[in-house]
Amino acid sequence: MESNPYFVYILKCSDGTLYTGITNDIEKRIKKHNEDKGAKYTRGRGPVICKYLEKVTDKGEALKREFEIKKMDKKEKVKLFNLQGLKSPRQ
């Protein structure tokens, strides 16, 4: 059985802060964040914009990568998404 890919993402909140998370459906997840039904951190900080998106093979890999990114400071995260040049999925 083939598993669905997971994504690690970084959102920029309306207050300028960054949020990192994982999902297997990025468009649905961003919609939830923007409806204030996503992570507790992003509630009241919308709208959010996806600034970084990294596809990984499974949930375990996504959790490891999320942990690595969360250890980065804001400058490192900004550098990461500036290097990627992501065109955000629908918001």
PDB file of N, CA and C in Angstrom:
ATOM      1  N   MET A   1       0.834  -1.181   0.000  1.00  0.00           N
ATOM      2  CA  MET A   1       0.000   0.000   0.000  1.00  0.00           C
ATOM      3  C   MET A   1       0.882   1.250   0.000  1.00  0.00           C
ATOM      4  N   GLU A   2       0.639   2.115  -0.942  1.00  0.00           N
ATOM      5  CA  GLU A   2       1.437   3.339  -1.068  1.00  0.00           C
ATOM      6  C   GLU A   2       0.898   4.410  -0.117  1.00  0.00           C
ATOM      7  N   SER A   3       1.780   5.023   0.648  1.00  0.00           N
ATOM      8  CA  SER A   3       1.352   6.059   1.581  1.00  0.00           C
ATOM      9  C   SER A   3       1.357   7.415   0.894  1.00  0.00           C
ATOM     10  N   ASN A   4       0.480   8.288   1.368  1.00  0.00           N
ATOM     11  CA  ASN A   4       0.438   9.641   0.844  1.00  0.00           C
ATOM     12  C   ASN A   4       1.655  10.404   1.349  1.00  0.00           C
ATOM     13  N   PRO A   5       2.192  11.278   0.517  1.00  0.00           N
ATOM     14  CA  PRO A   5       3.332  12.078   0.973  1.00  0.00           C
ATOM     15  C   PRO A   5       2.892  13.075   2.034  1.00  0.00           C
ATOM     16  N   TYR A   6       3.827  13.473   2.828  1.00  0.00           N
ATOM     17  CA  TYR A   6       3.607  14.508   3.826  1.00  0.00           C
ATOM     18  C   TYR A   6       4.383  15.739   3.411  1.00  0.00           C
ATOM     19  N   PHE A   7       4.003  16.859   3.986  1.00  0.00           N
ATOM     20  CA  PHE A   7       4.666  18.119   3.716  1.00  0.00           C
ATOM     21  C   PHE A   7       5.047  18.778   5.039  1.00  0.00           C
ATOM     22  N   VAL A   8       6.213  19.385   5.038  1.00  0.00           N
ATOM     23  CA  VAL A   8       6.637  20.250   6.132  1.00  0.00           C
ATOM     24  C   VAL A   8       6.487  21.660   5.580  1.00  0.00           C
ATOM     25  N   TYR A   9       5.894  22.537   6.365  1.00  0.00           N
ATOM     26  CA  TYR A   9       5.634  23.881   5.855  1.00  0.00           C
ATOM     27  C   TYR A   9       5.967  24.933   6.894  1.00  0.00           C
ATOM     28  N   ILE A  10       6.255  26.130   6.391  1.00  0.00           N
ATOM     29  CA  ILE A  10       6.436  27.293   7.247  1.00  0.00           C
ATOM     30  C   ILE A  10       5.417  28.333   6.796  1.00  0.00           C
ATOM     31  N   LEU A  11       4.650  28.825   7.762  1.00  0.00           N
ATOM     32  CA  LEU A  11       3.675  29.876   7.496  1.00  0.00           C
ATOM     33  C   LEU A  11       4.179  31.188   8.057  1.00  0.00           C
ATOM     34  N   LYS A  12       3.871  32.254   7.369  1.00  0.00           N
ATOM     35  CA  LYS A  12       4.106  33.593   7.911  1.00  0.00           C
ATOM     36  C   LYS A  12       2.747  34.117   8.362  1.00  0.00           C
ATOM     37  N   CYS A  13       2.661  34.443   9.625  1.00  0.00           N
ATOM     38  CA  CYS A  13       1.421  34.957  10.205  1.00  0.00           C
ATOM     39  C   CYS A  13       1.325  36.458   9.964  1.00  0.00           C
ATOM     40  N   SER A  14       0.119  37.000  10.127  1.00  0.00           N
ATOM     41  CA  SER A  14      -0.089  38.430   9.878  1.00  0.00           C
ATOM     42  C   SER A  14       0.706  39.321  10.825  1.00  0.00           C
ATOM     43  N   ASP A  15       1.113  38.775  11.981  1.00  0.00           N
ATOM     44  CA  ASP A  15       1.920  39.573  12.913  1.00  0.00           C
ATOM     45  C   ASP A  15       3.420  39.446  12.647  1.00  0.00           C
ATOM     46  N   GLY A  16       3.777  38.761  11.551  1.00  0.00           N
ATOM     47  CA  GLY A  16       5.178  38.636  11.158  1.00  0.00           C
ATOM     48  C   GLY A  16       5.890  37.425  11.743  1.00  0.00           C
ATOM     49  N   THR A  17       5.227  36.694  12.633  1.00  0.00           N
ATOM     50  CA  THR A  17       5.842  35.498  13.210  1.00  0.00           C
ATOM     51  C   THR A  17       5.736  34.332  12.232  1.00  0.00           C
ATOM     52  N   LEU A  18       6.536  33.304  12.483  1.00  0.00           N
ATOM     53  CA  LEU A  18       6.549  32.122  11.632  1.00  0.00           C
ATOM     54  C   LEU A  18       6.049  30.916  12.409  1.00  0.00           C
ATOM     55  N   TYR A  19       5.357  30.030  11.712  1.00  0.00           N
ATOM     56  CA  TYR A  19       4.853  28.794  12.298  1.00  0.00           C
ATOM     57  C   TYR A  19       5.266  27.643  11.396  1.00  0.00           C
ATOM     58  N   THR A  20       5.780  26.582  11.979  1.00  0.00           N
ATOM     59  CA  THR A  20       6.192  25.393  11.223  1.00  0.00           C
ATOM     60  C   THR A  20       5.296  24.227  11.606  1.00  0.00           C
ATOM     61  N   GLY A  21       4.859  23.475  10.609  1.00  0.00           N
ATOM     62  CA  GLY A  21       4.000  22.320  10.869  1.00  0.00           C
ATOM     63  C   GLY A  21       4.144  21.274   9.788  1.00  0.00           C
ATOM     64  N   ILE A  22       3.350  20.194   9.932  1.00  0.00           N
ATOM     65  CA  ILE A  22       3.326  19.125   8.935  1.00  0.00           C
ATOM     66  C   ILE A  22       1.876  18.826   8.562  1.00  0.00           C
ATOM     67  N   THR A  23       1.699  18.257   7.386  1.00  0.00           N
ATOM     68  CA  THR A  23       0.367  17.863   6.933  1.00  0.00           C
ATOM     69  C   THR A  23       0.502  16.904   5.758  1.00  0.00           C
ATOM     70  N   ASN A  24      -0.585  16.222   5.444  1.00  0.00           N
ATOM     71  CA  ASN A  24      -0.614  15.423   4.213  1.00  0.00           C
ATOM     72  C   ASN A  24      -1.580  16.047   3.199  1.00  0.00           C
ATOM     73  N   ASP A  25      -2.139  17.212   3.529  1.00  0.00           N
ATOM     74  CA  ASP A  25      -3.022  17.953   2.616  1.00  0.00           C
ATOM     75  C   ASP A  25      -2.806  19.448   2.864  1.00  0.00           C
ATOM     76  N   ILE A  26      -1.869  20.024   2.146  1.00  0.00           N
ATOM     77  CA  ILE A  26      -1.443  21.400   2.421  1.00  0.00           C
ATOM     78  C   ILE A  26      -2.548  22.419   2.193  1.00  0.00           C
ATOM     79  N   GLU A  27      -3.315  22.288   1.137  1.00  0.00           N
ATOM     80  CA  GLU A  27      -4.368  23.278   0.874  1.00  0.00           C
ATOM     81  C   GLU A  27      -5.428  23.256   1.968  1.00  0.00           C
ATOM     82  N   LYS A  28      -5.830  22.071   2.388  1.00  0.00           N
ATOM     83  CA  LYS A  28      -6.815  21.948   3.459  1.00  0.00           C
ATOM     84  C   LYS A  28      -6.275  22.513   4.771  1.00  0.00           C
ATOM     85  N   ARG A  29      -4.992  22.266   5.037  1.00  0.00           N
ATOM     86  CA  ARG A  29      -4.383  22.717   6.290  1.00  0.00           C
ATOM     87  C   ARG A  29      -4.282  24.243   6.347  1.00  0.00           C
ATOM     88  N   ILE A  30      -3.867  24.863   5.255  1.00  0.00           N
ATOM     89  CA  ILE A  30      -3.784  26.328   5.221  1.00  0.00           C
ATOM     90  C   ILE A  30      -5.172  26.930   5.395  1.00  0.00           C
ATOM     91  N   LYS A  31      -6.152  26.325   4.759  1.00  0.00           N
ATOM     92  CA  LYS A  31      -7.531  26.803   4.905  1.00  0.00           C
ATOM     93  C   LYS A  31      -7.950  26.743   6.375  1.00  0.00           C
ATOM     94  N   LYS A  32      -7.637  25.660   7.059  1.00  0.00           N
ATOM     95  CA  LYS A  32      -7.971  25.522   8.484  1.00  0.00           C
ATOM     96  C   LYS A  32      -7.273  26.608   9.314  1.00  0.00           C
ATOM     97  N   HIS A  33      -5.987  26.836   9.035  1.00  0.00           N
ATOM     98  CA  HIS A  33      -5.265  27.893   9.755  1.00  0.00           C
ATOM     99  C   HIS A  33      -5.952  29.243   9.551  1.00  0.00           C
ATOM    100  N   ASN A  34      -6.364  29.519   8.321  1.00  0.00           N
ATOM    101  CA  ASN A  34      -6.982  30.812   8.024  1.00  0.00           C
ATOM    102  C   ASN A  34      -8.406  30.934   8.548  1.00  0.00           C
ATOM    103  N   GLU A  35      -9.020  29.816   8.909  1.00  0.00           N
ATOM    104  CA  GLU A  35     -10.351  29.823   9.522  1.00  0.00           C
ATOM    105  C   GLU A  35     -10.252  29.823  11.045  1.00  0.00           C
ATOM    106  N   ASP A  36      -9.039  29.979  11.577  1.00  0.00           N
ATOM    107  CA  ASP A  36      -8.785  29.915  13.028  1.00  0.00           C
ATOM    108  C   ASP A  36      -9.155  28.559  13.616  1.00  0.00           C
ATOM    109  N   LYS A  37      -9.035  27.513  12.806  1.00  0.00           N
ATOM    110  CA  LYS A  37      -9.324  26.151  13.259  1.00  0.00           C
ATOM    111  C   LYS A  37      -8.067  25.276  13.191  1.00  0.00           C
ATOM    112  N   GLY A  38      -6.942  25.890  12.904  1.00  0.00           N
ATOM    113  CA  GLY A  38      -5.681  25.157  12.808  1.00  0.00           C
ATOM    114  C   GLY A  38      -5.009  25.102  14.166  1.00  0.00           C
ATOM    115  N   ALA A  39      -3.718  25.203  14.168  1.00  0.00           N
ATOM    116  CA  ALA A  39      -2.941  25.146  15.405  1.00  0.00           C
ATOM    117  C   ALA A  39      -3.309  26.304  16.329  1.00  0.00           C
ATOM    118  N   LYS A  40      -3.224  26.057  17.603  1.00  0.00           N
ATOM    119  CA  LYS A  40      -3.521  27.080  18.610  1.00  0.00           C
ATOM    120  C   LYS A  40      -2.685  28.338  18.366  1.00  0.00           C
ATOM    121  N   TYR A  41      -1.415  28.153  17.985  1.00  0.00           N
ATOM    122  CA  TYR A  41      -0.511  29.281  17.765  1.00  0.00           C
ATOM    123  C   TYR A  41      -1.022  30.235  16.689  1.00  0.00           C
ATOM    124  N   THR A  42      -1.584  29.702  15.608  1.00  0.00           N
ATOM    125  CA  THR A  42      -1.988  30.550  14.483  1.00  0.00           C
ATOM    126  C   THR A  42      -3.362  31.180  14.672  1.00  0.00           C
ATOM    127  N   ARG A  43      -4.123  30.735  15.652  1.00  0.00           N
ATOM    128  CA  ARG A  43      -5.450  31.323  15.887  1.00  0.00           C
ATOM    129  C   ARG A  43      -5.291  32.790  16.285  1.00  0.00           C
ATOM    130  N   GLY A  44      -5.999  33.641  15.567  1.00  0.00           N
ATOM    131  CA  GLY A  44      -5.903  35.075  15.828  1.00  0.00           C
ATOM    132  C   GLY A  44      -4.710  35.741  15.174  1.00  0.00           C
ATOM    133  N   ARG A  45      -3.900  34.973  14.453  1.00  0.00           N
ATOM    134  CA  ARG A  45      -2.730  35.534  13.770  1.00  0.00           C
ATOM    135  C   ARG A  45      -2.894  35.497  12.250  1.00  0.00           C
ATOM    136  N   GLY A  46      -4.083  35.210  11.785  1.00  0.00           N
ATOM    137  CA  GLY A  46      -4.329  35.097  10.356  1.00  0.00           C
ATOM    138  C   GLY A  46      -4.580  36.460   9.736  1.00  0.00           C
ATOM    139  N   PRO A  47      -4.563  36.522   8.434  1.00  0.00           N
ATOM    140  CA  PRO A  47      -4.351  35.366   7.562  1.00  0.00           C
ATOM    141  C   PRO A  47      -2.879  34.948   7.541  1.00  0.00           C
ATOM    142  N   VAL A  48      -2.696  33.671   7.244  1.00  0.00           N
ATOM    143  CA  VAL A  48      -1.338  33.136   7.132  1.00  0.00           C
ATOM    144  C   VAL A  48      -1.016  32.906   5.664  1.00  0.00           C
ATOM    145  N   ILE A  49       0.274  32.938   5.354  1.00  0.00           N
ATOM    146  CA  ILE A  49       0.754  32.702   3.993  1.00  0.00           C
ATOM    147  C   ILE A  49       1.810  31.614   4.057  1.00  0.00           C
ATOM    148  N   CYS A  50       1.692  30.632   3.187  1.00  0.00           N
ATOM    149  CA  CYS A  50       2.694  29.564   3.135  1.00  0.00           C
ATOM    150  C   CYS A  50       3.942  30.099   2.448  1.00  0.00           C
ATOM    151  N   LYS A  51       5.055  30.104   3.195  1.00  0.00           N
ATOM    152  CA  LYS A  51       6.318  30.620   2.669  1.00  0.00           C
ATOM    153  C   LYS A  51       7.291  29.517   2.294  1.00  0.00           C
ATOM    154  N   TYR A  52       7.084  28.308   2.819  1.00  0.00           N
ATOM    155  CA  TYR A  52       8.012  27.201   2.566  1.00  0.00           C
ATOM    156  C   TYR A  52       7.227  25.902   2.577  1.00  0.00           C
ATOM    157  N   LEU A  53       7.533  25.051   1.620  1.00  0.00           N
ATOM    158  CA  LEU A  53       6.860  23.767   1.509  1.00  0.00           C
ATOM    159  C   LEU A  53       7.872  22.732   1.059  1.00  0.00           C
ATOM    160  N   GLU A  54       7.992  21.672   1.836  1.00  0.00           N
ATOM    161  CA  GLU A  54       8.944  20.602   1.537  1.00  0.00           C
ATOM    162  C   GLU A  54       8.208  19.272   1.565  1.00  0.00           C
ATOM    163  N   LYS A  55       8.229  18.560   0.464  1.00  0.00           N
ATOM    164  CA  LYS A  55       7.572  17.254   0.369  1.00  0.00           C
ATOM    165  C   LYS A  55       8.497  16.176   0.919  1.00  0.00           C
ATOM    166  N   VAL A  56       7.955  15.318   1.790  1.00  0.00           N
ATOM    167  CA  VAL A  56       8.703  14.201   2.349  1.00  0.00           C
ATOM    168  C   VAL A  56       7.879  12.934   2.154  1.00  0.00           C
ATOM    169  N   THR A  57       8.503  11.780   2.373  1.00  0.00           N
ATOM    170  CA  THR A  57       7.836  10.523   2.028  1.00  0.00           C
ATOM    171  C   THR A  57       6.804  10.032   3.027  1.00  0.00           C
ATOM    172  N   ASP A  58       7.009  10.320   4.315  1.00  0.00           N
ATOM    173  CA  ASP A  58       6.063   9.794   5.302  1.00  0.00           C
ATOM    174  C   ASP A  58       6.023  10.666   6.545  1.00  0.00           C
ATOM    175  N   LYS A  59       5.121  10.335   7.446  1.00  0.00           N
ATOM    176  CA  LYS A  59       4.918  11.145   8.646  1.00  0.00           C
ATOM    177  C   LYS A  59       6.160  11.178   9.533  1.00  0.00           C
ATOM    178  N   GLY A  60       6.852  10.055   9.666  1.00  0.00           N
ATOM    179  CA  GLY A  60       8.057  10.008  10.491  1.00  0.00           C
ATOM    180  C   GLY A  60       9.122  10.965   9.994  1.00  0.00           C
ATOM    181  N   GLU A  61       9.336  10.967   8.685  1.00  0.00           N
ATOM    182  CA  GLU A  61      10.315  11.879   8.091  1.00  0.00           C
ATOM    183  C   GLU A  61       9.866  13.334   8.275  1.00  0.00           C
ATOM    184  N   ALA A  62       8.561  13.579   8.145  1.00  0.00           N
ATOM    185  CA  ALA A  62       8.021  14.922   8.318  1.00  0.00           C
ATOM    186  C   ALA A  62       8.243  15.424   9.742  1.00  0.00           C
ATOM    187  N   LEU A  63       8.014  14.567  10.716  1.00  0.00           N
ATOM    188  CA  LEU A  63       8.210  14.954  12.114  1.00  0.00           C
ATOM    189  C   LEU A  63       9.670  15.282  12.407  1.00  0.00           C
ATOM    190  N   LYS A  64      10.581  14.489  11.836  1.00  0.00           N
ATOM    191  CA  LYS A  64      12.017  14.751  12.031  1.00  0.00           C
ATOM    192  C   LYS A  64      12.413  16.085  11.418  1.00  0.00           C
ATOM    193  N   ARG A  65      11.940  16.333  10.201  1.00  0.00           N
ATOM    194  CA  ARG A  65      12.292  17.579   9.514  1.00  0.00           C
ATOM    195  C   ARG A  65      11.661  18.784  10.211  1.00  0.00           C
ATOM    196  N   GLU A  66      10.426  18.636  10.675  1.00  0.00           N
ATOM    197  CA  GLU A  66       9.765  19.710  11.415  1.00  0.00           C
ATOM    198  C   GLU A  66      10.594  20.074  12.655  1.00  0.00           C
ATOM    199  N   PHE A  67      11.079  19.080  13.361  1.00  0.00           N
ATOM    200  CA  PHE A  67      11.892  19.304  14.553  1.00  0.00           C
ATOM    201  C   PHE A  67      13.168  20.063  14.205  1.00  0.00           C
ATOM    202  N   GLU A  68      13.817  19.668  13.090  1.00  0.00           N
ATOM    203  CA  GLU A  68      15.040  20.361  12.647  1.00  0.00           C
ATOM    204  C   GLU A  68      14.755  21.838  12.364  1.00  0.00           C
ATOM    205  N   ILE A  69      13.664  22.089  11.665  1.00  0.00           N
ATOM    206  CA  ILE A  69      13.328  23.467  11.291  1.00  0.00           C
ATOM    207  C   ILE A  69      12.956  24.284  12.522  1.00  0.00           C
ATOM    208  N   LYS A  70      12.223  23.683  13.447  1.00  0.00           N
ATOM    209  CA  LYS A  70      11.819  24.413  14.655  1.00  0.00           C
ATOM    210  C   LYS A  70      13.022  24.817  15.511  1.00  0.00           C
ATOM    211  N   LYS A  71      14.128  24.116  15.380  1.00  0.00           N
ATOM    212  CA  LYS A  71      15.339  24.469  16.119  1.00  0.00           C
ATOM    213  C   LYS A  71      16.059  25.672  15.492  1.00  0.00           C
ATOM    214  N   MET A  72      15.741  25.996  14.250  1.00  0.00           N
ATOM    215  CA  MET A  72      16.381  27.123  13.565  1.00  0.00           C
ATOM    216  C   MET A  72      15.868  28.448  14.125  1.00  0.00           C
ATOM    217  N   ASP A  73      16.720  29.476  14.048  1.00  0.00           N
ATOM    218  CA  ASP A  73      16.220  30.799  14.410  1.00  0.00           C
ATOM    219  C   ASP A  73      15.496  31.394  13.197  1.00  0.00           C
ATOM    220  N   LYS A  74      14.855  32.526  13.413  1.00  0.00           N
ATOM    221  CA  LYS A  74      14.036  33.122  12.356  1.00  0.00           C
ATOM    222  C   LYS A  74      14.852  33.445  11.104  1.00  0.00           C
ATOM    223  N   LYS A  75      16.078  33.943  11.282  1.00  0.00           N
ATOM    224  CA  LYS A  75      16.915  34.273  10.121  1.00  0.00           C
ATOM    225  C   LYS A  75      17.186  33.047   9.261  1.00  0.00           C
ATOM    226  N   GLU A  76      17.448  31.912   9.906  1.00  0.00           N
ATOM    227  CA  GLU A  76      17.708  30.670   9.165  1.00  0.00           C
ATOM    228  C   GLU A  76      16.464  30.207   8.417  1.00  0.00           C
ATOM    229  N   LYS A  77      15.306  30.350   9.036  1.00  0.00           N
ATOM    230  CA  LYS A  77      14.054  29.961   8.381  1.00  0.00           C
ATOM    231  C   LYS A  77      13.776  30.851   7.175  1.00  0.00           C
ATOM    232  N   VAL A  78      13.971  32.148   7.338  1.00  0.00           N
ATOM    233  CA  VAL A  78      13.756  33.081   6.230  1.00  0.00           C
ATOM    234  C   VAL A  78      14.708  32.751   5.086  1.00  0.00           C
ATOM    235  N   LYS A  79      15.945  32.455   5.410  1.00  0.00           N
ATOM    236  CA  LYS A  79      16.919  32.070   4.378  1.00  0.00           C
ATOM    237  C   LYS A  79      16.459  30.805   3.661  1.00  0.00           C
ATOM    238  N   LEU A  80      15.930  29.856   4.413  1.00  0.00           N
ATOM    239  CA  LEU A  80      15.439  28.608   3.838  1.00  0.00           C
ATOM    240  C   LEU A  80      14.336  28.866   2.824  1.00  0.00           C
ATOM    241  N   PHE A  81      13.343  29.661   3.188  1.00  0.00           N
ATOM    242  CA  PHE A  81      12.266  29.871   2.215  1.00  0.00           C
ATOM    243  C   PHE A  81      12.630  30.857   1.133  1.00  0.00           C
ATOM    244  N   ASN A  82      13.584  31.748   1.359  1.00  0.00           N
ATOM    245  CA  ASN A  82      14.047  32.630   0.284  1.00  0.00           C
ATOM    246  C   ASN A  82      14.832  31.850  -0.761  1.00  0.00           C
ATOM    247  N   LEU A  83      15.584  30.840  -0.329  1.00  0.00           N
ATOM    248  CA  LEU A  83      16.333  30.003  -1.275  1.00  0.00           C
ATOM    249  C   LEU A  83      15.409  29.171  -2.143  1.00  0.00           C
ATOM    250  N   GLN A  84      14.302  28.738  -1.574  1.00  0.00           N
ATOM    251  CA  GLN A  84      13.389  27.882  -2.308  1.00  0.00           C
ATOM    252  C   GLN A  84      12.604  28.641  -3.357  1.00  0.00           C
ATOM    253  N   GLY A  85      12.235  29.897  -3.071  1.00  0.00           N
ATOM    254  CA  GLY A  85      11.463  30.667  -4.026  1.00  0.00           C
ATOM    255  C   GLY A  85      10.071  30.100  -4.258  1.00  0.00           C
ATOM    256  N   LEU A  86       9.408  29.689  -3.195  1.00  0.00           N
ATOM    257  CA  LEU A  86       8.118  29.032  -3.273  1.00  0.00           C
ATOM    258  C   LEU A  86       7.037  29.977  -3.794  1.00  0.00           C
ATOM    259  N   LYS A  87       6.255  29.450  -4.717  1.00  0.00           N
ATOM    260  CA  LYS A  87       5.008  30.108  -5.083  1.00  0.00           C
ATOM    261  C   LYS A  87       3.952  29.415  -4.247  1.00  0.00           C
ATOM    262  N   SER A  88       3.344  30.151  -3.335  1.00  0.00           N
ATOM    263  CA  SER A  88       2.441  29.569  -2.360  1.00  0.00           C
ATOM    264  C   SER A  88       1.257  28.873  -3.009  1.00  0.00           C
ATOM    265  N   PRO A  89       0.827  27.750  -2.394  1.00  0.00           N
ATOM    266  CA  PRO A  89      -0.411  27.128  -2.834  1.00  0.00           C
ATOM    267  C   PRO A  89      -1.576  28.065  -2.511  1.00  0.00           C
ATOM    268  N   ARG A  90      -2.736  27.753  -3.024  1.00  0.00           N
ATOM    269  CA  ARG A  90      -3.906  28.591  -2.748  1.00  0.00           C
ATOM    270  C   ARG A  90      -4.049  28.813  -1.257  1.00  0.00           C
ATOM    271  N   GLN A  91      -4.459  30.016  -0.889  1.00  0.00           N
ATOM    272  CA  GLN A  91      -4.588  30.349   0.527  1.00  0.00           C
ATOM    273  C   GLN A  91      -6.007  30.551   0.929  1.00  0.00           C
TER     274      GLN A  91
END
